[in-house]
Amino acid sequence: MKTLAMSLAALMLGGCGTIQTVVRHDDAAIKSLKEQKSYCGAVPRIYSGLTYDFCTLNAPLHSGVDAQKYNNGTIIVLIDAVISGALDTVLLPYTIYRQQADGSIIVTE
């Protein structure tokens, strides 16, 4: 049972907005948001995981997808937003430093 819980936690954290923006290189978050064609032009490093999750929600539907039947995993993203918000709060001193040192993660150039 512990193994299953640990595996599930690892899978959830792999897609976590905070992991995407704080732990991984900036290029990974930029590539992901560009692939989703998100309308976000930049992601500030302070509460970047939460912002990343909302940028994921702020992306157009892919062509050929019926908007009435489309399920974009909104519930999963909102759950991840809660988790990212908590992690972003814990990491706040580090992300404030990174915002001052490196600026925002620029998606569109």
PDB file of N, CA and C in Angstrom:
ATOM      1  N   MET A   1       0.817  -1.186   0.000  1.00  0.00           N
ATOM      2  CA  MET A   1       0.000   0.000   0.000  1.00  0.00           C
ATOM      3  C   MET A   1       0.869   1.262   0.000  1.00  0.00           C
ATOM      4  N   LYS A   2       1.957   1.247   0.785  1.00  0.00           N
ATOM      5  CA  LYS A   2       2.860   2.390   0.821  1.00  0.00           C
ATOM      6  C   LYS A   2       3.495   2.628  -0.544  1.00  0.00           C
ATOM      7  N   THR A   3       3.834   1.550  -1.226  1.00  0.00           N
ATOM      8  CA  THR A   3       4.457   1.668  -2.541  1.00  0.00           C
ATOM      9  C   THR A   3       3.498   2.317  -3.527  1.00  0.00           C
ATOM     10  N   LEU A   4       2.248   1.937  -3.481  1.00  0.00           N
ATOM     11  CA  LEU A   4       1.243   2.518  -4.365  1.00  0.00           C
ATOM     12  C   LEU A   4       1.066   4.006  -4.075  1.00  0.00           C
ATOM     13  N   ALA A   5       1.017   4.363  -2.814  1.00  0.00           N
ATOM     14  CA  ALA A   5       0.865   5.767  -2.430  1.00  0.00           C
ATOM     15  C   ALA A   5       2.080   6.582  -2.863  1.00  0.00           C
ATOM     16  N   MET A   6       3.260   6.037  -2.693  1.00  0.00           N
ATOM     17  CA  MET A   6       4.481   6.739  -3.098  1.00  0.00           C
ATOM     18  C   MET A   6       4.534   6.900  -4.617  1.00  0.00           C
ATOM     19  N   SER A   7       4.125   5.889  -5.347  1.00  0.00           N
ATOM     20  CA  SER A   7       4.112   5.965  -6.810  1.00  0.00           C
ATOM     21  C   SER A   7       3.121   7.017  -7.290  1.00  0.00           C
ATOM     22  N   LEU A   8       1.951   7.037  -6.677  1.00  0.00           N
ATOM     23  CA  LEU A   8       0.940   8.025  -7.028  1.00  0.00           C
ATOM     24  C   LEU A   8       1.427   9.435  -6.717  1.00  0.00           C
ATOM     25  N   ALA A   9       2.069   9.614  -5.573  1.00  0.00           N
ATOM     26  CA  ALA A   9       2.606  10.930  -5.200  1.00  0.00           C
ATOM     27  C   ALA A   9       3.689  11.373  -6.183  1.00  0.00           C
ATOM     28  N   ALA A  10       4.543  10.455  -6.608  1.00  0.00           N
ATOM     29  CA  ALA A  10       5.602  10.792  -7.569  1.00  0.00           C
ATOM     30  C   ALA A  10       5.012  11.206  -8.914  1.00  0.00           C
ATOM     31  N   LEU A  11       3.975  10.509  -9.350  1.00  0.00           N
ATOM     32  CA  LEU A  11       3.328  10.858 -10.610  1.00  0.00           C
ATOM     33  C   LEU A  11       2.655  12.220 -10.525  1.00  0.00           C
ATOM     34  N   MET A  12       2.003  12.506  -9.413  1.00  0.00           N
ATOM     35  CA  MET A  12       1.329  13.789  -9.242  1.00  0.00           C
ATOM     36  C   MET A  12       2.348  14.931  -9.214  1.00  0.00           C
ATOM     37  N   LEU A  13       3.466  14.737  -8.509  1.00  0.00           N
ATOM     38  CA  LEU A  13       4.465  15.793  -8.399  1.00  0.00           C
ATOM     39  C   LEU A  13       5.204  16.008  -9.709  1.00  0.00           C
ATOM     40  N   GLY A  14       5.271  14.996 -10.557  1.00  0.00           N
ATOM     41  CA  GLY A  14       5.935  15.144 -11.850  1.00  0.00           C
ATOM     42  C   GLY A  14       5.253  16.173 -12.728  1.00  0.00           C
ATOM     43  N   GLY A  15       3.953  16.324 -12.588  1.00  0.00           N
ATOM     44  CA  GLY A  15       3.210  17.304 -13.376  1.00  0.00           C
ATOM     45  C   GLY A  15       2.892  18.563 -12.602  1.00  0.00           C
ATOM     46  N   CYS A  16       3.360  18.664 -11.400  1.00  0.00           N
ATOM     47  CA  CYS A  16       3.065  19.804 -10.530  1.00  0.00           C
ATOM     48  C   CYS A  16       3.669  21.085 -11.112  1.00  0.00           C
ATOM     49  N   GLY A  17       2.885  22.165 -11.097  1.00  0.00           N
ATOM     50  CA  GLY A  17       3.357  23.430 -11.632  1.00  0.00           C
ATOM     51  C   GLY A  17       4.604  23.948 -10.945  1.00  0.00           C
ATOM     52  N   THR A  18       4.714  23.747  -9.643  1.00  0.00           N
ATOM     53  CA  THR A  18       5.889  24.205  -8.907  1.00  0.00           C
ATOM     54  C   THR A  18       7.126  23.429  -9.331  1.00  0.00           C
ATOM     55  N   ILE A  19       6.983  22.127  -9.518  1.00  0.00           N
ATOM     56  CA  ILE A  19       8.113  21.317  -9.982  1.00  0.00           C
ATOM     57  C   ILE A  19       8.542  21.784 -11.368  1.00  0.00           C
ATOM     58  N   GLN A  20       7.561  22.060 -12.248  1.00  0.00           N
ATOM     59  CA  GLN A  20       7.850  22.505 -13.608  1.00  0.00           C
ATOM     60  C   GLN A  20       8.617  23.821 -13.636  1.00  0.00           C
ATOM     61  N   THR A  21       8.324  24.727 -12.721  1.00  0.00           N
ATOM     62  CA  THR A  21       8.900  26.067 -12.801  1.00  0.00           C
ATOM     63  C   THR A  21      10.055  26.326 -11.837  1.00  0.00           C
ATOM     64  N   VAL A  22      10.118  25.607 -10.738  1.00  0.00           N
ATOM     65  CA  VAL A  22      11.167  25.874  -9.747  1.00  0.00           C
ATOM     66  C   VAL A  22      12.298  24.858  -9.842  1.00  0.00           C
ATOM     67  N   VAL A  23      11.951  23.576  -9.941  1.00  0.00           N
ATOM     68  CA  VAL A  23      12.962  22.527  -9.908  1.00  0.00           C
ATOM     69  C   VAL A  23      13.600  22.309 -11.283  1.00  0.00           C
ATOM     70  N   ARG A  24      12.770  22.260 -12.310  1.00  0.00           N
ATOM     71  CA  ARG A  24      13.272  22.015 -13.663  1.00  0.00           C
ATOM     72  C   ARG A  24      13.805  23.305 -14.281  1.00  0.00           C
ATOM     73  N   HIS A  25      14.551  23.160 -15.368  1.00  0.00           N
ATOM     74  CA  HIS A  25      15.101  24.312 -16.077  1.00  0.00           C
ATOM     75  C   HIS A  25      13.969  25.119 -16.707  1.00  0.00           C
ATOM     76  N   ASP A  26      14.175  26.402 -16.855  1.00  0.00           N
ATOM     77  CA  ASP A  26      13.148  27.287 -17.423  1.00  0.00           C
ATOM     78  C   ASP A  26      12.666  26.812 -18.791  1.00  0.00           C
ATOM     79  N   ASP A  27      13.572  26.235 -19.570  1.00  0.00           N
ATOM     80  CA  ASP A  27      13.209  25.786 -20.915  1.00  0.00           C
ATOM     81  C   ASP A  27      12.102  24.732 -20.900  1.00  0.00           C
ATOM     82  N   ALA A  28      12.041  23.912 -19.859  1.00  0.00           N
ATOM     83  CA  ALA A  28      10.999  22.885 -19.760  1.00  0.00           C
ATOM     84  C   ALA A  28       9.618  23.520 -19.608  1.00  0.00           C
ATOM     85  N   ALA A  29       9.513  24.534 -18.760  1.00  0.00           N
ATOM     86  CA  ALA A  29       8.231  25.230 -18.580  1.00  0.00           C
ATOM     87  C   ALA A  29       7.854  25.999 -19.831  1.00  0.00           C
ATOM     88  N   ILE A  30       8.834  26.650 -20.461  1.00  0.00           N
ATOM     89  CA  ILE A  30       8.573  27.406 -21.685  1.00  0.00           C
ATOM     90  C   ILE A  30       8.083  26.478 -22.786  1.00  0.00           C
ATOM     91  N   LYS A  31       8.760  25.359 -22.954  1.00  0.00           N
ATOM     92  CA  LYS A  31       8.381  24.393 -23.993  1.00  0.00           C
ATOM     93  C   LYS A  31       6.967  23.864 -23.744  1.00  0.00           C
ATOM     94  N   SER A  32       6.667  23.524 -22.504  1.00  0.00           N
ATOM     95  CA  SER A  32       5.351  22.985 -22.168  1.00  0.00           C
ATOM     96  C   SER A  32       4.244  23.994 -22.460  1.00  0.00           C
ATOM     97  N   LEU A  33       4.440  25.246 -22.063  1.00  0.00           N
ATOM     98  CA  LEU A  33       3.416  26.270 -22.282  1.00  0.00           C
ATOM     99  C   LEU A  33       3.270  26.606 -23.768  1.00  0.00           C
ATOM    100  N   LYS A  34       4.378  26.569 -24.510  1.00  0.00           N
ATOM    101  CA  LYS A  34       4.298  26.807 -25.957  1.00  0.00           C
ATOM    102  C   LYS A  34       3.570  25.668 -26.660  1.00  0.00           C
ATOM    103  N   GLU A  35       3.813  24.429 -26.226  1.00  0.00           N
ATOM    104  CA  GLU A  35       3.122  23.280 -26.823  1.00  0.00           C
ATOM    105  C   GLU A  35       1.617  23.360 -26.588  1.00  0.00           C
ATOM    106  N   GLN A  36       1.235  23.877 -25.433  1.00  0.00           N
ATOM    107  CA  GLN A  36      -0.186  24.019 -25.114  1.00  0.00           C
ATOM    108  C   GLN A  36      -0.786  25.277 -25.730  1.00  0.00           C
ATOM    109  N   LYS A  37       0.073  26.115 -26.318  1.00  0.00           N
ATOM    110  CA  LYS A  37      -0.343  27.389 -26.929  1.00  0.00           C
ATOM    111  C   LYS A  37      -1.050  28.286 -25.918  1.00  0.00           C
ATOM    112  N   SER A  38      -0.489  28.325 -24.711  1.00  0.00           N
ATOM    113  CA  SER A  38      -1.044  29.161 -23.655  1.00  0.00           C
ATOM    114  C   SER A  38      -0.915  30.632 -24.043  1.00  0.00           C
ATOM    115  N   TYR A  39      -1.846  31.432 -23.586  1.00  0.00           N
ATOM    116  CA  TYR A  39      -1.821  32.861 -23.870  1.00  0.00           C
ATOM    117  C   TYR A  39      -0.904  33.627 -22.918  1.00  0.00           C
ATOM    118  N   CYS A  40      -0.298  32.946 -21.956  1.00  0.00           N
ATOM    119  CA  CYS A  40       0.590  33.606 -21.009  1.00  0.00           C
ATOM    120  C   CYS A  40       1.909  33.966 -21.692  1.00  0.00           C
ATOM    121  N   GLY A  41       2.332  35.213 -21.534  1.00  0.00           N
ATOM    122  CA  GLY A  41       3.586  35.656 -22.129  1.00  0.00           C
ATOM    123  C   GLY A  41       4.769  35.503 -21.190  1.00  0.00           C
ATOM    124  N   ALA A  42       4.496  35.486 -19.893  1.00  0.00           N
ATOM    125  CA  ALA A  42       5.551  35.352 -18.898  1.00  0.00           C
ATOM    126  C   ALA A  42       4.965  34.751 -17.623  1.00  0.00           C
ATOM    127  N   VAL A  43       5.828  34.088 -16.876  1.00  0.00           N
ATOM    128  CA  VAL A  43       5.431  33.498 -15.596  1.00  0.00           C
ATOM    129  C   VAL A  43       6.364  34.069 -14.530  1.00  0.00           C
ATOM    130  N   PRO A  44       5.830  34.871 -13.590  1.00  0.00           N
ATOM    131  CA  PRO A  44       6.695  35.378 -12.518  1.00  0.00           C
ATOM    132  C   PRO A  44       7.151  34.231 -11.629  1.00  0.00           C
ATOM    133  N   ARG A  45       8.340  34.336 -11.105  1.00  0.00           N
ATOM    134  CA  ARG A  45       8.879  33.239 -10.282  1.00  0.00           C
ATOM    135  C   ARG A  45       8.190  33.142  -8.923  1.00  0.00           C
ATOM    136  N   ILE A  46       7.654  34.245  -8.423  1.00  0.00           N
ATOM    137  CA  ILE A  46       6.932  34.224  -7.159  1.00  0.00           C
ATOM    138  C   ILE A  46       5.559  33.613  -7.437  1.00  0.00           C
ATOM    139  N   TYR A  47       5.254  32.531  -6.745  1.00  0.00           N
ATOM    140  CA  TYR A  47       4.044  31.734  -6.980  1.00  0.00           C
ATOM    141  C   TYR A  47       3.972  31.259  -8.436  1.00  0.00           C
ATOM    142  N   SER A  48       5.116  30.838  -8.957  1.00  0.00           N
ATOM    143  CA  SER A  48       5.203  30.406 -10.354  1.00  0.00           C
ATOM    144  C   SER A  48       4.432  29.122 -10.616  1.00  0.00           C
ATOM    145  N   GLY A  49       4.371  28.227  -9.668  1.00  0.00           N
ATOM    146  CA  GLY A  49       3.625  26.978  -9.866  1.00  0.00           C
ATOM    147  C   GLY A  49       2.140  27.238 -10.032  1.00  0.00           C
ATOM    148  N   LEU A  50       1.619  28.118  -9.207  1.00  0.00           N
ATOM    149  CA  LEU A  50       0.206  28.484  -9.291  1.00  0.00           C
ATOM    150  C   LEU A  50      -0.084  29.208 -10.610  1.00  0.00           C
ATOM    151  N   THR A  51       0.797  30.116 -10.994  1.00  0.00           N
ATOM    152  CA  THR A  51       0.641  30.829 -12.261  1.00  0.00           C
ATOM    153  C   THR A  51       0.724  29.864 -13.432  1.00  0.00           C
ATOM    154  N   TYR A  52       1.652  28.920 -13.369  1.00  0.00           N
ATOM    155  CA  TYR A  52       1.799  27.916 -14.428  1.00  0.00           C
ATOM    156  C   TYR A  52       0.510  27.111 -14.596  1.00  0.00           C
ATOM    157  N   ASP A  53      -0.095  26.730 -13.487  1.00  0.00           N
ATOM    158  CA  ASP A  53      -1.344  25.969 -13.556  1.00  0.00           C
ATOM    159  C   ASP A  53      -2.453  26.778 -14.223  1.00  0.00           C
ATOM    160  N   PHE A  54      -2.556  28.061 -13.882  1.00  0.00           N
ATOM    161  CA  PHE A  54      -3.583  28.887 -14.508  1.00  0.00           C
ATOM    162  C   PHE A  54      -3.258  29.161 -15.973  1.00  0.00           C
ATOM    163  N   CYS A  55      -1.982  29.226 -16.322  1.00  0.00           N
ATOM    164  CA  CYS A  55      -1.605  29.356 -17.735  1.00  0.00           C
ATOM    165  C   CYS A  55      -1.985  28.089 -18.501  1.00  0.00           C
ATOM    166  N   THR A  56      -1.892  26.944 -17.847  1.00  0.00           N
ATOM    167  CA  THR A  56      -2.310  25.688 -18.470  1.00  0.00           C
ATOM    168  C   THR A  56      -3.805  25.719 -18.760  1.00  0.00           C
ATOM    169  N   LEU A  57      -4.579  26.261 -17.841  1.00  0.00           N
ATOM    170  CA  LEU A  57      -6.021  26.381 -18.058  1.00  0.00           C
ATOM    171  C   LEU A  57      -6.347  27.433 -19.115  1.00  0.00           C
ATOM    172  N   ASN A  58      -5.445  28.403 -19.283  1.00  0.00           N
ATOM    173  CA  ASN A  58      -5.662  29.504 -20.224  1.00  0.00           C
ATOM    174  C   ASN A  58      -5.013  29.174 -21.573  1.00  0.00           C
ATOM    175  N   ALA A  59      -5.407  28.058 -22.140  1.00  0.00           N
ATOM    176  CA  ALA A  59      -4.902  27.636 -23.443  1.00  0.00           C
ATOM    177  C   ALA A  59      -6.094  27.271 -24.325  1.00  0.00           C
ATOM    178  N   PRO A  60      -5.968  27.504 -25.618  1.00  0.00           N
ATOM    179  CA  PRO A  60      -7.094  27.197 -26.509  1.00  0.00           C
ATOM    180  C   PRO A  60      -7.287  25.691 -26.679  1.00  0.00           C
ATOM    181  N   LEU A  61      -8.473  25.319 -27.090  1.00  0.00           N
ATOM    182  CA  LEU A  61      -8.729  23.926 -27.436  1.00  0.00           C
ATOM    183  C   LEU A  61      -7.998  23.601 -28.726  1.00  0.00           C
ATOM    184  N   HIS A  62      -7.564  22.369 -28.866  1.00  0.00           N
ATOM    185  CA  HIS A  62      -6.901  21.938 -30.088  1.00  0.00           C
ATOM    186  C   HIS A  62      -7.915  21.886 -31.221  1.00  0.00           C
ATOM    187  N   SER A  63      -7.466  22.069 -32.433  1.00  0.00           N
ATOM    188  CA  SER A  63      -8.385  22.054 -33.574  1.00  0.00           C
ATOM    189  C   SER A  63      -9.038  20.683 -33.715  1.00  0.00           C
ATOM    190  N   GLY A  64     -10.292  20.686 -34.097  1.00  0.00           N
ATOM    191  CA  GLY A  64     -11.030  19.442 -34.291  1.00  0.00           C
ATOM    192  C   GLY A  64     -11.634  18.884 -33.016  1.00  0.00           C
ATOM    193  N   VAL A  65     -11.543  19.613 -31.908  1.00  0.00           N
ATOM    194  CA  VAL A  65     -12.077  19.148 -30.628  1.00  0.00           C
ATOM    195  C   VAL A  65     -13.420  19.824 -30.388  1.00  0.00           C
ATOM    196  N   ASP A  66     -14.419  19.044 -30.061  1.00  0.00           N
ATOM    197  CA  ASP A  66     -15.741  19.581 -29.767  1.00  0.00           C
ATOM    198  C   ASP A  66     -15.730  20.196 -28.370  1.00  0.00           C
ATOM    199  N   ALA A  67     -15.962  21.492 -28.284  1.00  0.00           N
ATOM    200  CA  ALA A  67     -15.894  22.201 -27.010  1.00  0.00           C
ATOM    201  C   ALA A  67     -16.929  21.708 -26.008  1.00  0.00           C
ATOM    202  N   GLN A  68     -18.065  21.190 -26.477  1.00  0.00           N
ATOM    203  CA  GLN A  68     -19.112  20.716 -25.581  1.00  0.00           C
ATOM    204  C   GLN A  68     -18.751  19.386 -24.921  1.00  0.00           C
ATOM    205  N   LYS A  69     -17.911  18.586 -25.574  1.00  0.00           N
ATOM    206  CA  LYS A  69     -17.561  17.262 -25.058  1.00  0.00           C
ATOM    207  C   LYS A  69     -16.141  17.200 -24.516  1.00  0.00           C
ATOM    208  N   TYR A  70     -15.407  18.287 -24.595  1.00  0.00           N
ATOM    209  CA  TYR A  70     -13.995  18.285 -24.235  1.00  0.00           C
ATOM    210  C   TYR A  70     -13.805  18.285 -22.730  1.00  0.00           C
ATOM    211  N   ASN A  71     -12.951  17.409 -22.246  1.00  0.00           N
ATOM    212  CA  ASN A  71     -12.591  17.351 -20.831  1.00  0.00           C
ATOM    213  C   ASN A  71     -11.097  17.629 -20.740  1.00  0.00           C
ATOM    214  N   ASN A  72     -10.733  18.816 -20.299  1.00  0.00           N
ATOM    215  CA  ASN A  72      -9.318  19.191 -20.254  1.00  0.00           C
ATOM    216  C   ASN A  72      -8.659  18.897 -18.913  1.00  0.00           C
ATOM    217  N   GLY A  73      -9.307  18.155 -18.069  1.00  0.00           N
ATOM    218  CA  GLY A  73      -8.725  17.812 -16.779  1.00  0.00           C
ATOM    219  C   GLY A  73      -8.726  18.979 -15.809  1.00  0.00           C
ATOM    220  N   THR A  74      -9.725  19.822 -15.895  1.00  0.00           N
ATOM    221  CA  THR A  74      -9.791  21.019 -15.058  1.00  0.00           C
ATOM    222  C   THR A  74      -9.710  20.677 -13.572  1.00  0.00           C
ATOM    223  N   ILE A  75     -10.391  19.635 -13.149  1.00  0.00           N
ATOM    224  CA  ILE A  75     -10.365  19.244 -11.729  1.00  0.00           C
ATOM    225  C   ILE A  75      -8.951  18.884 -11.301  1.00  0.00           C
ATOM    226  N   ILE A  76      -8.236  18.146 -12.140  1.00  0.00           N
ATOM    227  CA  ILE A  76      -6.864  17.747 -11.804  1.00  0.00           C
ATOM    228  C   ILE A  76      -5.970  18.977 -11.706  1.00  0.00           C
ATOM    229  N   VAL A  77      -6.128  19.907 -12.647  1.00  0.00           N
ATOM    230  CA  VAL A  77      -5.327  21.131 -12.620  1.00  0.00           C
ATOM    231  C   VAL A  77      -5.655  21.960 -11.384  1.00  0.00           C
ATOM    232  N   LEU A  78      -6.918  22.029 -11.002  1.00  0.00           N
ATOM    233  CA  LEU A  78      -7.289  22.792  -9.807  1.00  0.00           C
ATOM    234  C   LEU A  78      -6.745  22.147  -8.530  1.00  0.00           C
ATOM    235  N   ILE A  79      -6.741  20.820  -8.467  1.00  0.00           N
ATOM    236  CA  ILE A  79      -6.132  20.127  -7.327  1.00  0.00           C
ATOM    237  C   ILE A  79      -4.639  20.428  -7.295  1.00  0.00           C
ATOM    238  N   ASP A  80      -4.008  20.373  -8.476  1.00  0.00           N
ATOM    239  CA  ASP A  80      -2.593  20.688  -8.561  1.00  0.00           C
ATOM    240  C   ASP A  80      -2.332  22.135  -8.165  1.00  0.00           C
ATOM    241  N   ALA A  81      -3.256  23.039  -8.481  1.00  0.00           N
ATOM    242  CA  ALA A  81      -3.099  24.446  -8.109  1.00  0.00           C
ATOM    243  C   ALA A  81      -3.064  24.610  -6.585  1.00  0.00           C
ATOM    244  N   VAL A  82      -3.876  23.850  -5.882  1.00  0.00           N
ATOM    245  CA  VAL A  82      -3.869  23.901  -4.412  1.00  0.00           C
ATOM    246  C   VAL A  82      -2.527  23.407  -3.877  1.00  0.00           C
ATOM    247  N   ILE A  83      -2.054  22.297  -4.423  1.00  0.00           N
ATOM    248  CA  ILE A  83      -0.757  21.747  -4.005  1.00  0.00           C
ATOM    249  C   ILE A  83       0.365  22.716  -4.358  1.00  0.00           C
ATOM    250  N   SER A  84       0.322  23.265  -5.572  1.00  0.00           N
ATOM    251  CA  SER A  84       1.348  24.223  -5.997  1.00  0.00           C
ATOM    252  C   SER A  84       1.331  25.470  -5.130  1.00  0.00           C
ATOM    253  N   GLY A  85       0.141  25.935  -4.770  1.00  0.00           N
ATOM    254  CA  GLY A  85       0.048  27.111  -3.904  1.00  0.00           C
ATOM    255  C   GLY A  85       0.719  26.881  -2.564  1.00  0.00           C
ATOM    256  N   ALA A  86       0.523  25.697  -2.000  1.00  0.00           N
ATOM    257  CA  ALA A  86       1.162  25.365  -0.719  1.00  0.00           C
ATOM    258  C   ALA A  86       2.687  25.279  -0.881  1.00  0.00           C
ATOM    259  N   LEU A  87       3.145  24.593  -1.931  1.00  0.00           N
ATOM    260  CA  LEU A  87       4.588  24.488  -2.157  1.00  0.00           C
ATOM    261  C   LEU A  87       5.202  25.848  -2.472  1.00  0.00           C
ATOM    262  N   ASP A  88       4.498  26.659  -3.255  1.00  0.00           N
ATOM    263  CA  ASP A  88       5.002  27.993  -3.574  1.00  0.00           C
ATOM    264  C   ASP A  88       5.160  28.838  -2.321  1.00  0.00           C
ATOM    265  N   THR A  89       4.261  28.681  -1.360  1.00  0.00           N
ATOM    266  CA  THR A  89       4.358  29.427  -0.108  1.00  0.00           C
ATOM    267  C   THR A  89       5.591  29.001   0.682  1.00  0.00           C
ATOM    268  N   VAL A  90       5.852  27.712   0.724  1.00  0.00           N
ATOM    269  CA  VAL A  90       7.033  27.206   1.431  1.00  0.00           C
ATOM    270  C   VAL A  90       8.316  27.705   0.751  1.00  0.00           C
ATOM    271  N   LEU A  91       8.304  27.771  -0.579  1.00  0.00           N
ATOM    272  CA  LEU A  91       9.487  28.163  -1.341  1.00  0.00           C
ATOM    273  C   LEU A  91       9.587  29.670  -1.577  1.00  0.00           C
ATOM    274  N   LEU A  92       8.740  30.440  -0.947  1.00  0.00           N
ATOM    275  CA  LEU A  92       8.669  31.880  -1.188  1.00  0.00           C
ATOM    276  C   LEU A  92      10.010  32.606  -1.020  1.00  0.00           C
ATOM    277  N   PRO A  93      10.789  32.371   0.028  1.00  0.00           N
ATOM    278  CA  PRO A  93      12.075  33.081   0.129  1.00  0.00           C
ATOM    279  C   PRO A  93      12.997  32.811  -1.080  1.00  0.00           C
ATOM    280  N   TYR A  94      13.029  31.570  -1.535  1.00  0.00           N
ATOM    281  CA  TYR A  94      13.865  31.219  -2.684  1.00  0.00           C
ATOM    282  C   TYR A  94      13.345  31.862  -3.960  1.00  0.00           C
ATOM    283  N   THR A  95      12.029  31.833  -4.179  1.00  0.00           N
ATOM    284  CA  THR A  95      11.487  32.379  -5.422  1.00  0.00           C
ATOM    285  C   THR A  95      11.561  33.906  -5.452  1.00  0.00           C
ATOM    286  N   ILE A  96      11.488  34.557  -4.292  1.00  0.00           N
ATOM    287  CA  ILE A  96      11.682  36.014  -4.262  1.00  0.00           C
ATOM    288  C   ILE A  96      13.116  36.340  -4.694  1.00  0.00           C
ATOM    289  N   TYR A  97      14.063  35.575  -4.175  1.00  0.00           N
ATOM    290  CA  TYR A  97      15.462  35.765  -4.584  1.00  0.00           C
ATOM    291  C   TYR A  97      15.625  35.546  -6.085  1.00  0.00           C
ATOM    292  N   ARG A  98      15.067  34.444  -6.608  1.00  0.00           N
ATOM    293  CA  ARG A  98      15.192  34.136  -8.052  1.00  0.00           C
ATOM    294  C   ARG A  98      14.512  35.195  -8.908  1.00  0.00           C
ATOM    295  N   GLN A  99      13.388  35.745  -8.453  1.00  0.00           N
ATOM    296  CA  GLN A  99      12.705  36.806  -9.209  1.00  0.00           C
ATOM    297  C   GLN A  99      13.616  38.032  -9.303  1.00  0.00           C
ATOM    298  N   GLN A 100      14.253  38.386  -8.191  1.00  0.00           N
ATOM    299  CA  GLN A 100      15.152  39.543  -8.188  1.00  0.00           C
ATOM    300  C   GLN A 100      16.393  39.288  -9.035  1.00  0.00           C
ATOM    301  N   ALA A 101      16.937  38.077  -8.969  1.00  0.00           N
ATOM    302  CA  ALA A 101      18.171  37.757  -9.678  1.00  0.00           C
ATOM    303  C   ALA A 101      17.950  37.497 -11.173  1.00  0.00           C
ATOM    304  N   ASP A 102      16.890  36.756 -11.521  1.00  0.00           N
ATOM    305  CA  ASP A 102      16.723  36.295 -12.897  1.00  0.00           C
ATOM    306  C   ASP A 102      15.508  36.874 -13.623  1.00  0.00           C
ATOM    307  N   GLY A 103      14.578  37.464 -12.888  1.00  0.00           N
ATOM    308  CA  GLY A 103      13.360  37.979 -13.511  1.00  0.00           C
ATOM    309  C   GLY A 103      12.370  36.859 -13.788  1.00  0.00           C
ATOM    310  N   SER A 104      11.316  37.191 -14.517  1.00  0.00           N
ATOM    311  CA  SER A 104      10.262  36.223 -14.818  1.00  0.00           C
ATOM    312  C   SER A 104      10.714  35.230 -15.888  1.00  0.00           C
ATOM    313  N   ILE A 105       9.991  34.140 -15.979  1.00  0.00           N
ATOM    314  CA  ILE A 105      10.208  33.157 -17.043  1.00  0.00           C
ATOM    315  C   ILE A 105       9.438  33.674 -18.265  1.00  0.00           C
ATOM    316  N   ILE A 106      10.158  34.074 -19.303  1.00  0.00           N
ATOM    317  CA  ILE A 106       9.546  34.645 -20.496  1.00  0.00           C
ATOM    318  C   ILE A 106       9.173  33.518 -21.455  1.00  0.00           C
ATOM    319  N   VAL A 107       7.883  33.429 -21.772  1.00  0.00           N
ATOM    320  CA  VAL A 107       7.387  32.361 -22.652  1.00  0.00           C
ATOM    321  C   VAL A 107       7.446  32.791 -24.107  1.00  0.00           C
ATOM    322  N   THR A 108       6.991  33.999 -24.414  1.00  0.00           N
ATOM    323  CA  THR A 108       6.978  34.469 -25.802  1.00  0.00           C
ATOM    324  C   THR A 108       8.089  35.484 -26.013  1.00  0.00           C
ATOM    325  N   GLU A 109       8.820  35.277 -27.077  1.00  0.00           N
ATOM    326  CA  GLU A 109       9.884  36.226 -27.428  1.00  0.00           C
ATOM    327  C   GLU A 109       9.830  36.552 -28.881  1.00  0.00           C
TER     328      GLU A 109
END
